[in-house]
Amino acid sequence: MGLILKLFYTKYVNTLIFQHIFYAIETLGILSFALSGVLLAKRKNFDIVGVYIIAWITAFGGGTIRDVILDIQPVYWISHAEYPIMLLVLIIAMSLIKKIKLRESWLFVPDAMGVALFSITAAQTAHQAGHPLIIVAILATIVATFGGVIRDSLCQEIPTIFKKETTMYASVAFFGACLYVGLHEFAPWDSSISMIIAAIITFLSRVIANKYQLRWNV
């Protein structure tokens, strides 16, 4: 009886917990990137439609690329219709806030959170699909930075990832993906804990790099 309960817990309960944690991390990543898009679009004085479009592209751009490359159908924002609704609610809520002068520095935290969270969810998805570490890390980096590149380009800004003065950005996503795979393979806990730890460390790495102005000088 004990063996049966243990097998049930391992097969179903662990799977259910992982699915909920993955969903929570991905949702937080979507909202973080969407918020960074809202802040930039409002700073550019876009109307509410323009703000929604920028938020949508920032939030879903990277994940859509991930699902297309890994041949996951339908892409995640189609199979989870609540995501576009969340964004719409966010835009409406932000539009009700009294007009204040937005600072460029405010973009950093939601953008850093988006990079950290999306790099880990992309790494988990690619790793689960059986791809080698280098492919996992490259895909995670693309996914984590693509939404921000499109956001900045549509807002007529030089993409953050391409600015010479930008502190470590893509390399943080690359590192986070490698960290997740290492934890998943060698740590004594399950994948859910590995995702949480890797996401936190990746975010803190981006914060530390920005605080101490760490960058690659070429």
N, C-alpha and C. Protein backbone atom coordinates (compact mmCIF):
# COMPACT_ATOMS: atom_id res chain seq x y z
N MET A 1 0.83 -1.20 0.00
CA MET A 1 0.00 0.00 0.00
C MET A 1 0.87 1.26 0.00
N GLY A 2 1.91 1.23 0.84
CA GLY A 2 2.82 2.37 0.91
C GLY A 2 3.50 2.62 -0.42
N LEU A 3 3.87 1.54 -1.13
CA LEU A 3 4.53 1.66 -2.43
C LEU A 3 3.57 2.28 -3.45
N ILE A 4 2.31 1.86 -3.40
CA ILE A 4 1.31 2.39 -4.33
C ILE A 4 1.12 3.89 -4.10
N LEU A 5 1.03 4.29 -2.82
CA LEU A 5 0.87 5.70 -2.50
C LEU A 5 2.08 6.52 -2.94
N LYS A 6 3.27 5.92 -2.78
CA LYS A 6 4.49 6.62 -3.19
C LYS A 6 4.52 6.80 -4.71
N LEU A 7 4.13 5.77 -5.44
CA LEU A 7 4.09 5.87 -6.90
C LEU A 7 3.06 6.89 -7.35
N PHE A 8 1.91 6.90 -6.66
CA PHE A 8 0.85 7.87 -7.00
C PHE A 8 1.35 9.29 -6.78
N TYR A 9 2.03 9.49 -5.64
CA TYR A 9 2.54 10.82 -5.32
C TYR A 9 3.57 11.26 -6.35
N THR A 10 4.47 10.33 -6.69
CA THR A 10 5.54 10.67 -7.64
C THR A 10 4.98 10.99 -9.01
N LYS A 11 4.01 10.20 -9.45
CA LYS A 11 3.52 10.34 -10.83
C LYS A 11 2.53 11.48 -10.98
N TYR A 12 1.64 11.65 -10.02
CA TYR A 12 0.55 12.60 -10.19
C TYR A 12 0.74 13.89 -9.38
N VAL A 13 1.02 13.76 -8.11
CA VAL A 13 1.13 14.95 -7.26
C VAL A 13 2.32 15.81 -7.67
N ASN A 14 3.47 15.18 -7.86
CA ASN A 14 4.66 15.94 -8.29
C ASN A 14 4.42 16.62 -9.63
N THR A 15 3.78 15.90 -10.55
CA THR A 15 3.47 16.46 -11.86
C THR A 15 2.54 17.66 -11.74
N LEU A 16 1.53 17.53 -10.88
CA LEU A 16 0.58 18.61 -10.68
C LEU A 16 1.25 19.83 -10.07
N ILE A 17 2.10 19.60 -9.07
CA ILE A 17 2.82 20.71 -8.43
C ILE A 17 3.71 21.41 -9.45
N PHE A 18 4.44 20.61 -10.26
CA PHE A 18 5.31 21.20 -11.27
C PHE A 18 4.52 22.05 -12.26
N GLN A 19 3.38 21.54 -12.73
CA GLN A 19 2.57 22.27 -13.69
C GLN A 19 2.11 23.61 -13.13
N HIS A 20 1.74 23.61 -11.85
CA HIS A 20 1.28 24.85 -11.22
C HIS A 20 2.44 25.85 -11.06
N ILE A 21 3.60 25.34 -10.68
CA ILE A 21 4.75 26.23 -10.52
C ILE A 21 5.20 26.78 -11.87
N PHE A 22 5.23 25.92 -12.89
CA PHE A 22 5.60 26.38 -14.23
C PHE A 22 4.63 27.47 -14.70
N TYR A 23 3.34 27.24 -14.48
CA TYR A 23 2.32 28.21 -14.88
C TYR A 23 2.51 29.52 -14.14
N ALA A 24 2.80 29.43 -12.84
CA ALA A 24 2.98 30.64 -12.03
C ALA A 24 4.20 31.43 -12.49
N ILE A 25 5.30 30.74 -12.77
CA ILE A 25 6.52 31.41 -13.23
C ILE A 25 6.30 32.05 -14.59
N GLU A 26 5.66 31.33 -15.50
CA GLU A 26 5.41 31.87 -16.83
C GLU A 26 4.47 33.07 -16.76
N THR A 27 3.44 32.98 -15.91
CA THR A 27 2.50 34.09 -15.77
C THR A 27 3.20 35.33 -15.23
N LEU A 28 4.05 35.15 -14.23
CA LEU A 28 4.79 36.28 -13.67
C LEU A 28 5.72 36.89 -14.71
N GLY A 29 6.34 36.02 -15.52
CA GLY A 29 7.21 36.51 -16.59
C GLY A 29 6.44 37.32 -17.62
N ILE A 30 5.25 36.85 -17.98
CA ILE A 30 4.41 37.55 -18.95
C ILE A 30 4.01 38.92 -18.42
N LEU A 31 3.56 38.96 -17.17
CA LEU A 31 3.13 40.22 -16.58
C LEU A 31 4.31 41.19 -16.40
N SER A 32 5.48 40.66 -16.09
CA SER A 32 6.67 41.50 -15.93
C SER A 32 7.05 42.15 -17.25
N PHE A 33 7.12 41.35 -18.30
CA PHE A 33 7.46 41.90 -19.61
C PHE A 33 6.37 42.84 -20.11
N ALA A 34 5.11 42.48 -19.86
CA ALA A 34 4.01 43.35 -20.28
C ALA A 34 4.12 44.71 -19.59
N LEU A 35 4.44 44.70 -18.30
CA LEU A 35 4.58 45.95 -17.55
C LEU A 35 5.71 46.81 -18.12
N SER A 36 6.82 46.16 -18.50
CA SER A 36 7.92 46.92 -19.10
C SER A 36 7.47 47.55 -20.41
N GLY A 37 6.65 46.83 -21.18
CA GLY A 37 6.12 47.38 -22.42
C GLY A 37 5.16 48.53 -22.17
N VAL A 38 4.32 48.41 -21.15
CA VAL A 38 3.39 49.47 -20.79
C VAL A 38 4.14 50.73 -20.39
N LEU A 39 5.16 50.59 -19.55
CA LEU A 39 5.91 51.75 -19.07
C LEU A 39 6.59 52.49 -20.23
N LEU A 40 7.17 51.74 -21.15
CA LEU A 40 7.85 52.39 -22.27
C LEU A 40 6.84 53.04 -23.21
N ALA A 41 5.75 52.35 -23.50
CA ALA A 41 4.74 52.89 -24.42
C ALA A 41 4.08 54.14 -23.84
N LYS A 42 3.83 54.14 -22.53
CA LYS A 42 3.24 55.32 -21.90
C LYS A 42 4.23 56.48 -21.88
N ARG A 43 5.51 56.15 -21.71
CA ARG A 43 6.53 57.21 -21.74
C ARG A 43 6.62 57.84 -23.12
N LYS A 44 6.28 57.03 -24.15
CA LYS A 44 6.27 57.53 -25.52
C LYS A 44 4.93 58.16 -25.90
N ASN A 45 4.02 58.25 -24.93
CA ASN A 45 2.70 58.86 -25.14
C ASN A 45 1.85 58.12 -26.18
N PHE A 46 1.93 56.80 -26.22
CA PHE A 46 1.06 56.02 -27.09
C PHE A 46 -0.37 56.04 -26.53
N ASP A 47 -1.35 55.88 -27.43
CA ASP A 47 -2.72 55.75 -26.96
C ASP A 47 -2.92 54.34 -26.40
N ILE A 48 -4.12 54.05 -25.87
CA ILE A 48 -4.35 52.80 -25.18
C ILE A 48 -4.18 51.59 -26.09
N VAL A 49 -4.54 51.75 -27.37
CA VAL A 49 -4.35 50.65 -28.32
C VAL A 49 -2.87 50.39 -28.54
N GLY A 50 -2.11 51.46 -28.71
CA GLY A 50 -0.68 51.31 -28.89
C GLY A 50 0.00 50.70 -27.68
N VAL A 51 -0.45 51.10 -26.49
CA VAL A 51 0.10 50.54 -25.25
C VAL A 51 -0.18 49.04 -25.18
N TYR A 52 -1.41 48.64 -25.54
CA TYR A 52 -1.76 47.22 -25.49
C TYR A 52 -0.93 46.41 -26.49
N ILE A 53 -0.73 46.95 -27.68
CA ILE A 53 0.06 46.25 -28.70
C ILE A 53 1.50 46.06 -28.23
N ILE A 54 2.10 47.12 -27.70
CA ILE A 54 3.48 47.02 -27.22
C ILE A 54 3.57 46.03 -26.06
N ALA A 55 2.62 46.08 -25.13
CA ALA A 55 2.61 45.15 -24.01
C ALA A 55 2.45 43.73 -24.49
N TRP A 56 1.57 43.52 -25.45
CA TRP A 56 1.29 42.19 -26.00
C TRP A 56 2.54 41.61 -26.66
N ILE A 57 3.16 42.39 -27.52
CA ILE A 57 4.34 41.91 -28.24
C ILE A 57 5.49 41.63 -27.28
N THR A 58 5.67 42.50 -26.29
CA THR A 58 6.75 42.29 -25.32
C THR A 58 6.51 41.03 -24.51
N ALA A 59 5.27 40.81 -24.10
CA ALA A 59 4.94 39.67 -23.25
C ALA A 59 4.96 38.35 -24.00
N PHE A 60 4.50 38.34 -25.24
CA PHE A 60 4.30 37.08 -25.95
C PHE A 60 5.30 36.82 -27.06
N GLY A 61 6.12 37.83 -27.41
CA GLY A 61 7.05 37.65 -28.53
C GLY A 61 8.02 36.51 -28.34
N GLY A 62 8.71 36.50 -27.20
CA GLY A 62 9.71 35.47 -26.94
C GLY A 62 9.10 34.09 -26.81
N GLY A 63 8.00 33.99 -26.06
CA GLY A 63 7.35 32.69 -25.88
C GLY A 63 6.81 32.11 -27.17
N THR A 64 6.33 32.98 -28.06
CA THR A 64 5.83 32.51 -29.36
C THR A 64 6.97 31.93 -30.18
N ILE A 65 8.12 32.61 -30.17
CA ILE A 65 9.30 32.09 -30.86
C ILE A 65 9.68 30.72 -30.30
N ARG A 66 9.66 30.59 -28.98
CA ARG A 66 9.98 29.31 -28.33
C ARG A 66 9.06 28.19 -28.83
N ASP A 67 7.76 28.45 -28.84
CA ASP A 67 6.81 27.41 -29.22
C ASP A 67 6.90 27.07 -30.70
N VAL A 68 7.17 28.09 -31.53
CA VAL A 68 7.32 27.83 -32.97
C VAL A 68 8.56 26.98 -33.24
N ILE A 69 9.69 27.33 -32.62
CA ILE A 69 10.93 26.58 -32.83
C ILE A 69 10.81 25.15 -32.32
N LEU A 70 10.16 24.98 -31.16
CA LEU A 70 10.02 23.64 -30.58
C LEU A 70 8.79 22.90 -31.09
N ASP A 71 8.08 23.52 -32.05
CA ASP A 71 6.90 22.91 -32.67
C ASP A 71 5.84 22.54 -31.62
N ILE A 72 5.57 23.49 -30.72
CA ILE A 72 4.52 23.32 -29.72
C ILE A 72 3.26 24.00 -30.24
N GLN A 73 2.22 23.23 -30.48
CA GLN A 73 0.98 23.77 -31.01
C GLN A 73 -0.20 23.40 -30.12
N PRO A 74 -1.16 24.33 -29.91
CA PRO A 74 -1.06 25.75 -30.27
C PRO A 74 -0.09 26.49 -29.35
N VAL A 75 0.37 27.65 -29.80
CA VAL A 75 1.29 28.42 -28.98
C VAL A 75 0.60 28.80 -27.68
N TYR A 76 1.38 29.06 -26.65
CA TYR A 76 0.86 29.11 -25.28
C TYR A 76 -0.21 30.17 -25.05
N TRP A 77 -0.13 31.33 -25.71
CA TRP A 77 -1.12 32.36 -25.44
C TRP A 77 -2.45 32.07 -26.13
N ILE A 78 -2.45 31.13 -27.08
CA ILE A 78 -3.71 30.69 -27.69
C ILE A 78 -4.36 29.63 -26.81
N SER A 79 -3.56 28.73 -26.27
CA SER A 79 -4.10 27.68 -25.40
C SER A 79 -4.45 28.21 -24.01
N HIS A 80 -3.94 29.41 -23.66
CA HIS A 80 -4.27 30.05 -22.38
C HIS A 80 -4.84 31.43 -22.68
N ALA A 81 -6.12 31.47 -23.00
CA ALA A 81 -6.75 32.73 -23.39
C ALA A 81 -6.81 33.73 -22.25
N GLU A 82 -6.56 33.26 -21.02
CA GLU A 82 -6.59 34.20 -19.89
C GLU A 82 -5.42 35.19 -19.94
N TYR A 83 -4.33 34.82 -20.65
CA TYR A 83 -3.18 35.71 -20.71
C TYR A 83 -3.50 37.04 -21.41
N PRO A 84 -4.08 37.01 -22.63
CA PRO A 84 -4.44 38.29 -23.25
C PRO A 84 -5.42 39.10 -22.41
N ILE A 85 -6.31 38.40 -21.67
CA ILE A 85 -7.27 39.10 -20.81
C ILE A 85 -6.53 39.77 -19.66
N MET A 86 -5.54 39.07 -19.08
CA MET A 86 -4.73 39.66 -18.00
C MET A 86 -4.07 40.94 -18.49
N LEU A 87 -3.55 40.90 -19.70
CA LEU A 87 -2.89 42.08 -20.25
C LEU A 87 -3.87 43.23 -20.42
N LEU A 88 -5.07 42.91 -20.89
CA LEU A 88 -6.08 43.95 -21.08
C LEU A 88 -6.45 44.59 -19.75
N VAL A 89 -6.60 43.78 -18.72
CA VAL A 89 -6.90 44.31 -17.38
C VAL A 89 -5.75 45.19 -16.89
N LEU A 90 -4.51 44.74 -17.13
CA LEU A 90 -3.34 45.52 -16.73
C LEU A 90 -3.32 46.87 -17.42
N ILE A 91 -3.62 46.89 -18.73
CA ILE A 91 -3.60 48.14 -19.48
C ILE A 91 -4.67 49.10 -18.96
N ILE A 92 -5.87 48.57 -18.73
CA ILE A 92 -6.96 49.42 -18.23
C ILE A 92 -6.60 49.99 -16.86
N ALA A 93 -6.04 49.13 -16.00
CA ALA A 93 -5.66 49.59 -14.66
C ALA A 93 -4.59 50.68 -14.74
N MET A 94 -3.60 50.48 -15.63
CA MET A 94 -2.54 51.47 -15.77
C MET A 94 -3.07 52.77 -16.36
N SER A 95 -4.09 52.68 -17.21
CA SER A 95 -4.66 53.89 -17.83
C SER A 95 -5.42 54.74 -16.82
N LEU A 96 -5.86 54.12 -15.73
CA LEU A 96 -6.60 54.84 -14.71
C LEU A 96 -5.69 55.57 -13.73
N ILE A 97 -4.40 55.22 -13.77
CA ILE A 97 -3.44 55.88 -12.89
C ILE A 97 -3.20 57.31 -13.39
N LYS A 98 -3.18 58.25 -12.48
CA LYS A 98 -2.96 59.63 -12.88
C LYS A 98 -1.63 59.77 -13.60
N LYS A 99 -1.62 60.65 -14.56
CA LYS A 99 -0.43 60.83 -15.38
C LYS A 99 0.75 61.28 -14.52
N ILE A 100 1.82 60.52 -14.58
CA ILE A 100 3.04 60.87 -13.86
C ILE A 100 4.21 60.78 -14.84
N LYS A 101 5.27 61.44 -14.50
CA LYS A 101 6.45 61.41 -15.35
C LYS A 101 7.18 60.09 -15.16
N LEU A 102 7.22 59.30 -16.22
CA LEU A 102 7.84 57.98 -16.14
C LEU A 102 9.34 58.08 -16.41
N ARG A 103 10.10 57.37 -15.62
CA ARG A 103 11.55 57.39 -15.78
C ARG A 103 12.01 56.11 -16.47
N GLU A 104 13.06 56.25 -17.27
CA GLU A 104 13.60 55.10 -17.98
C GLU A 104 14.07 54.02 -17.01
N SER A 105 14.57 54.43 -15.86
CA SER A 105 15.09 53.47 -14.88
C SER A 105 14.00 52.54 -14.35
N TRP A 106 12.73 52.96 -14.45
CA TRP A 106 11.64 52.14 -13.96
C TRP A 106 11.47 50.87 -14.79
N LEU A 107 11.99 50.89 -16.01
CA LEU A 107 11.86 49.72 -16.89
C LEU A 107 12.73 48.56 -16.42
N PHE A 108 13.75 48.86 -15.62
CA PHE A 108 14.75 47.84 -15.33
C PHE A 108 14.18 46.63 -14.60
N VAL A 109 13.46 46.85 -13.50
CA VAL A 109 13.00 45.73 -12.67
C VAL A 109 12.06 44.79 -13.43
N PRO A 110 10.98 45.29 -14.05
CA PRO A 110 10.12 44.34 -14.79
C PRO A 110 10.83 43.68 -15.95
N ASP A 111 11.74 44.41 -16.62
CA ASP A 111 12.49 43.81 -17.72
C ASP A 111 13.42 42.72 -17.21
N ALA A 112 14.10 42.98 -16.09
CA ALA A 112 15.02 41.99 -15.51
C ALA A 112 14.25 40.75 -15.05
N MET A 113 13.08 40.95 -14.47
CA MET A 113 12.25 39.82 -14.05
C MET A 113 11.80 39.01 -15.25
N GLY A 114 11.40 39.70 -16.31
CA GLY A 114 10.98 39.00 -17.52
C GLY A 114 12.09 38.16 -18.12
N VAL A 115 13.28 38.74 -18.19
CA VAL A 115 14.44 38.01 -18.72
C VAL A 115 14.73 36.77 -17.89
N ALA A 116 14.74 36.93 -16.58
CA ALA A 116 15.04 35.80 -15.69
C ALA A 116 14.00 34.69 -15.80
N LEU A 117 12.74 35.07 -15.74
CA LEU A 117 11.66 34.07 -15.73
C LEU A 117 11.51 33.38 -17.07
N PHE A 118 11.60 34.13 -18.16
CA PHE A 118 11.44 33.52 -19.47
C PHE A 118 12.62 32.65 -19.85
N SER A 119 13.82 33.04 -19.42
CA SER A 119 14.99 32.20 -19.73
C SER A 119 14.85 30.83 -19.06
N ILE A 120 14.28 30.80 -17.87
CA ILE A 120 14.14 29.53 -17.15
C ILE A 120 13.02 28.68 -17.71
N THR A 121 11.86 29.28 -18.02
CA THR A 121 10.78 28.48 -18.59
C THR A 121 11.16 27.95 -19.98
N ALA A 122 11.87 28.76 -20.74
CA ALA A 122 12.33 28.30 -22.06
C ALA A 122 13.35 27.18 -21.91
N ALA A 123 14.25 27.32 -20.93
CA ALA A 123 15.25 26.28 -20.69
C ALA A 123 14.58 24.98 -20.27
N GLN A 124 13.58 25.07 -19.40
CA GLN A 124 12.89 23.86 -18.96
C GLN A 124 12.20 23.16 -20.13
N THR A 125 11.52 23.94 -20.96
CA THR A 125 10.79 23.36 -22.09
C THR A 125 11.74 22.70 -23.08
N ALA A 126 12.85 23.38 -23.40
CA ALA A 126 13.81 22.84 -24.35
C ALA A 126 14.53 21.62 -23.78
N HIS A 127 14.87 21.69 -22.50
CA HIS A 127 15.55 20.56 -21.86
C HIS A 127 14.65 19.35 -21.79
N GLN A 128 13.38 19.57 -21.48
CA GLN A 128 12.42 18.47 -21.42
C GLN A 128 12.24 17.83 -22.80
N ALA A 129 12.43 18.62 -23.84
CA ALA A 129 12.31 18.09 -25.21
C ALA A 129 13.54 17.28 -25.62
N GLY A 130 14.56 17.25 -24.77
CA GLY A 130 15.73 16.42 -25.02
C GLY A 130 16.86 17.09 -25.76
N HIS A 131 16.87 18.40 -25.84
CA HIS A 131 17.92 19.11 -26.57
C HIS A 131 19.18 19.24 -25.70
N PRO A 132 20.36 19.28 -26.34
CA PRO A 132 21.62 19.42 -25.59
C PRO A 132 21.73 20.79 -24.94
N LEU A 133 22.65 20.91 -24.00
CA LEU A 133 22.78 22.12 -23.19
C LEU A 133 22.98 23.37 -24.03
N ILE A 134 23.85 23.32 -25.05
CA ILE A 134 24.13 24.52 -25.84
C ILE A 134 22.88 25.01 -26.55
N ILE A 135 22.05 24.10 -27.06
CA ILE A 135 20.81 24.47 -27.73
C ILE A 135 19.82 25.05 -26.73
N VAL A 136 19.75 24.43 -25.56
CA VAL A 136 18.87 24.94 -24.49
C VAL A 136 19.25 26.37 -24.13
N ALA A 137 20.53 26.61 -23.93
CA ALA A 137 21.01 27.94 -23.51
C ALA A 137 20.78 28.99 -24.60
N ILE A 138 21.05 28.64 -25.85
CA ILE A 138 20.86 29.60 -26.95
C ILE A 138 19.38 29.93 -27.12
N LEU A 139 18.53 28.89 -27.09
CA LEU A 139 17.10 29.13 -27.25
C LEU A 139 16.55 29.97 -26.10
N ALA A 140 16.98 29.68 -24.87
CA ALA A 140 16.53 30.44 -23.72
C ALA A 140 16.94 31.91 -23.84
N THR A 141 18.14 32.16 -24.35
CA THR A 141 18.62 33.53 -24.52
C THR A 141 17.78 34.27 -25.55
N ILE A 142 17.47 33.60 -26.66
CA ILE A 142 16.64 34.22 -27.70
C ILE A 142 15.25 34.55 -27.15
N VAL A 143 14.67 33.59 -26.47
CA VAL A 143 13.31 33.77 -25.94
C VAL A 143 13.28 34.90 -24.91
N ALA A 144 14.29 34.96 -24.04
CA ALA A 144 14.31 35.95 -22.96
C ALA A 144 14.54 37.37 -23.46
N THR A 145 15.14 37.53 -24.63
CA THR A 145 15.49 38.87 -25.11
C THR A 145 14.66 39.34 -26.29
N PHE A 146 13.98 38.42 -26.97
CA PHE A 146 13.29 38.78 -28.22
C PHE A 146 12.18 39.79 -27.99
N GLY A 147 11.36 39.58 -26.94
CA GLY A 147 10.27 40.51 -26.68
C GLY A 147 10.76 41.91 -26.43
N GLY A 148 11.85 42.04 -25.68
CA GLY A 148 12.42 43.35 -25.40
C GLY A 148 12.97 44.03 -26.64
N VAL A 149 13.55 43.25 -27.54
CA VAL A 149 14.08 43.81 -28.79
C VAL A 149 12.95 44.39 -29.63
N ILE A 150 11.86 43.65 -29.78
CA ILE A 150 10.71 44.13 -30.56
C ILE A 150 10.08 45.34 -29.89
N ARG A 151 9.95 45.29 -28.55
CA ARG A 151 9.39 46.43 -27.80
C ARG A 151 10.16 47.71 -28.08
N ASP A 152 11.48 47.64 -27.92
CA ASP A 152 12.31 48.83 -28.10
C ASP A 152 12.30 49.31 -29.55
N SER A 153 12.32 48.37 -30.49
CA SER A 153 12.33 48.73 -31.90
C SER A 153 11.05 49.46 -32.30
N LEU A 154 9.91 48.95 -31.86
CA LEU A 154 8.63 49.59 -32.20
C LEU A 154 8.48 50.95 -31.52
N CYS A 155 9.16 51.13 -30.40
CA CYS A 155 9.12 52.42 -29.70
C CYS A 155 10.25 53.33 -30.13
N GLN A 156 10.92 52.96 -31.22
CA GLN A 156 12.01 53.76 -31.80
C GLN A 156 13.13 54.02 -30.79
N GLU A 157 13.46 52.96 -30.06
CA GLU A 157 14.58 52.99 -29.13
C GLU A 157 15.63 51.98 -29.61
N ILE A 158 16.90 52.24 -29.32
CA ILE A 158 17.91 51.22 -29.56
C ILE A 158 17.65 50.08 -28.58
N PRO A 159 17.47 48.85 -29.08
CA PRO A 159 17.20 47.74 -28.16
C PRO A 159 18.24 47.66 -27.05
N THR A 160 17.75 47.43 -25.85
CA THR A 160 18.62 47.39 -24.67
C THR A 160 19.79 46.44 -24.87
N ILE A 161 19.53 45.30 -25.48
CA ILE A 161 20.56 44.28 -25.65
C ILE A 161 21.70 44.75 -26.53
N PHE A 162 21.45 45.77 -27.39
CA PHE A 162 22.46 46.24 -28.33
C PHE A 162 23.20 47.48 -27.85
N LYS A 163 22.76 48.06 -26.74
CA LYS A 163 23.42 49.27 -26.26
C LYS A 163 24.77 48.93 -25.62
N LYS A 164 25.79 49.70 -25.98
CA LYS A 164 27.12 49.44 -25.47
C LYS A 164 27.18 49.62 -23.95
N GLU A 165 26.37 50.56 -23.45
CA GLU A 165 26.41 50.84 -22.01
C GLU A 165 25.57 49.85 -21.19
N THR A 166 24.84 48.96 -21.86
CA THR A 166 24.01 48.00 -21.13
C THR A 166 24.88 46.99 -20.40
N THR A 167 24.56 46.76 -19.15
CA THR A 167 25.27 45.74 -18.38
C THR A 167 24.83 44.36 -18.85
N MET A 168 25.48 43.33 -18.34
CA MET A 168 25.25 41.96 -18.83
C MET A 168 23.76 41.64 -18.90
N TYR A 169 23.33 41.22 -20.08
CA TYR A 169 21.90 41.06 -20.35
C TYR A 169 21.64 39.67 -20.93
N ALA A 170 22.04 39.48 -22.19
CA ALA A 170 21.85 38.17 -22.82
C ALA A 170 22.67 37.10 -22.11
N SER A 171 23.86 37.47 -21.65
CA SER A 171 24.71 36.50 -20.97
C SER A 171 24.09 36.02 -19.67
N VAL A 172 23.29 36.88 -19.03
CA VAL A 172 22.59 36.48 -17.81
C VAL A 172 21.54 35.41 -18.12
N ALA A 173 20.82 35.59 -19.23
CA ALA A 173 19.84 34.59 -19.64
C ALA A 173 20.52 33.27 -19.99
N PHE A 174 21.66 33.36 -20.68
CA PHE A 174 22.44 32.17 -21.04
C PHE A 174 22.89 31.44 -19.78
N PHE A 175 23.41 32.20 -18.82
CA PHE A 175 23.86 31.63 -17.55
C PHE A 175 22.69 30.98 -16.80
N GLY A 176 21.54 31.65 -16.78
CA GLY A 176 20.38 31.12 -16.08
C GLY A 176 19.92 29.79 -16.65
N ALA A 177 19.94 29.67 -17.96
CA ALA A 177 19.54 28.42 -18.60
C ALA A 177 20.50 27.29 -18.23
N CYS A 178 21.79 27.58 -18.27
CA CYS A 178 22.79 26.57 -17.90
C CYS A 178 22.65 26.18 -16.43
N LEU A 179 22.37 27.16 -15.59
CA LEU A 179 22.18 26.90 -14.17
C LEU A 179 21.00 25.98 -13.93
N TYR A 180 19.90 26.26 -14.63
CA TYR A 180 18.71 25.40 -14.47
C TYR A 180 19.02 23.96 -14.85
N VAL A 181 19.67 23.77 -15.99
CA VAL A 181 19.98 22.40 -16.44
C VAL A 181 20.88 21.71 -15.43
N GLY A 182 21.88 22.44 -14.91
CA GLY A 182 22.78 21.85 -13.92
C GLY A 182 22.04 21.44 -12.66
N LEU A 183 21.15 22.30 -12.18
CA LEU A 183 20.38 21.99 -10.98
C LEU A 183 19.44 20.81 -11.23
N HIS A 184 18.83 20.81 -12.40
CA HIS A 184 17.90 19.74 -12.73
C HIS A 184 18.60 18.38 -12.79
N GLU A 185 19.81 18.38 -13.30
CA GLU A 185 20.53 17.13 -13.49
C GLU A 185 21.20 16.64 -12.21
N PHE A 186 21.69 17.55 -11.38
CA PHE A 186 22.55 17.13 -10.27
C PHE A 186 22.01 17.46 -8.87
N ALA A 187 21.04 18.36 -8.77
CA ALA A 187 20.52 18.71 -7.44
C ALA A 187 19.60 17.61 -6.92
N PRO A 188 19.49 17.45 -5.60
CA PRO A 188 18.70 16.37 -5.03
C PRO A 188 17.20 16.65 -4.96
N TRP A 189 16.75 17.78 -5.50
CA TRP A 189 15.33 18.11 -5.46
C TRP A 189 14.72 18.04 -6.86
N ASP A 190 13.41 18.27 -6.95
CA ASP A 190 12.74 18.11 -8.24
C ASP A 190 12.87 19.37 -9.10
N SER A 191 12.33 19.27 -10.31
CA SER A 191 12.49 20.32 -11.31
C SER A 191 11.86 21.64 -10.89
N SER A 192 10.77 21.58 -10.13
CA SER A 192 10.09 22.80 -9.70
C SER A 192 11.00 23.68 -8.86
N ILE A 193 11.69 23.07 -7.90
CA ILE A 193 12.60 23.81 -7.04
C ILE A 193 13.76 24.36 -7.86
N SER A 194 14.23 23.58 -8.81
CA SER A 194 15.33 24.03 -9.67
C SER A 194 14.94 25.27 -10.45
N MET A 195 13.71 25.30 -10.95
CA MET A 195 13.23 26.45 -11.70
C MET A 195 13.19 27.70 -10.83
N ILE A 196 12.67 27.56 -9.62
CA ILE A 196 12.55 28.70 -8.71
C ILE A 196 13.92 29.25 -8.34
N ILE A 197 14.84 28.35 -7.97
CA ILE A 197 16.19 28.77 -7.58
C ILE A 197 16.91 29.44 -8.76
N ALA A 198 16.83 28.82 -9.93
CA ALA A 198 17.50 29.36 -11.10
C ALA A 198 16.94 30.72 -11.48
N ALA A 199 15.62 30.89 -11.39
CA ALA A 199 15.00 32.17 -11.74
C ALA A 199 15.44 33.27 -10.77
N ILE A 200 15.47 32.96 -9.48
CA ILE A 200 15.89 33.95 -8.48
C ILE A 200 17.35 34.35 -8.68
N ILE A 201 18.22 33.36 -8.89
CA ILE A 201 19.64 33.66 -9.07
C ILE A 201 19.87 34.44 -10.36
N THR A 202 19.14 34.10 -11.41
CA THR A 202 19.27 34.83 -12.68
C THR A 202 18.86 36.28 -12.51
N PHE A 203 17.75 36.51 -11.84
CA PHE A 203 17.29 37.88 -11.59
C PHE A 203 18.31 38.66 -10.76
N LEU A 204 18.80 38.04 -9.69
CA LEU A 204 19.79 38.71 -8.84
C LEU A 204 21.08 38.99 -9.60
N SER A 205 21.44 38.09 -10.51
CA SER A 205 22.65 38.30 -11.33
C SER A 205 22.50 39.54 -12.20
N ARG A 206 21.30 39.72 -12.76
CA ARG A 206 21.03 40.91 -13.58
C ARG A 206 21.07 42.17 -12.72
N VAL A 207 20.51 42.10 -11.52
CA VAL A 207 20.51 43.25 -10.61
C VAL A 207 21.93 43.61 -10.21
N ILE A 208 22.74 42.61 -9.85
CA ILE A 208 24.12 42.84 -9.44
C ILE A 208 24.94 43.42 -10.60
N ALA A 209 24.73 42.87 -11.80
CA ALA A 209 25.45 43.37 -12.97
C ALA A 209 25.11 44.83 -13.23
N ASN A 210 23.85 45.19 -13.02
CA ASN A 210 23.45 46.58 -13.23
C ASN A 210 23.99 47.49 -12.13
N LYS A 211 23.95 47.01 -10.90
CA LYS A 211 24.40 47.83 -9.76
C LYS A 211 25.88 48.15 -9.86
N TYR A 212 26.67 47.15 -10.25
CA TYR A 212 28.12 47.33 -10.30
C TYR A 212 28.65 47.57 -11.72
N GLN A 213 27.69 47.80 -12.63
CA GLN A 213 28.04 48.14 -14.02
C GLN A 213 28.97 47.11 -14.65
N LEU A 214 28.59 45.84 -14.51
CA LEU A 214 29.39 44.76 -15.09
C LEU A 214 28.96 44.55 -16.54
N ARG A 215 29.90 44.58 -17.43
CA ARG A 215 29.59 44.38 -18.85
C ARG A 215 30.78 43.76 -19.53
N TRP A 216 30.50 43.21 -20.73
CA TRP A 216 31.58 42.64 -21.54
C TRP A 216 32.18 43.74 -22.40
N ASN A 217 33.44 44.00 -22.24
CA ASN A 217 34.12 45.02 -23.05
C ASN A 217 34.83 44.35 -24.21
N VAL A 218 34.45 44.76 -25.42
CA VAL A 218 35.03 44.19 -26.62
C VAL A 218 35.91 45.23 -27.30
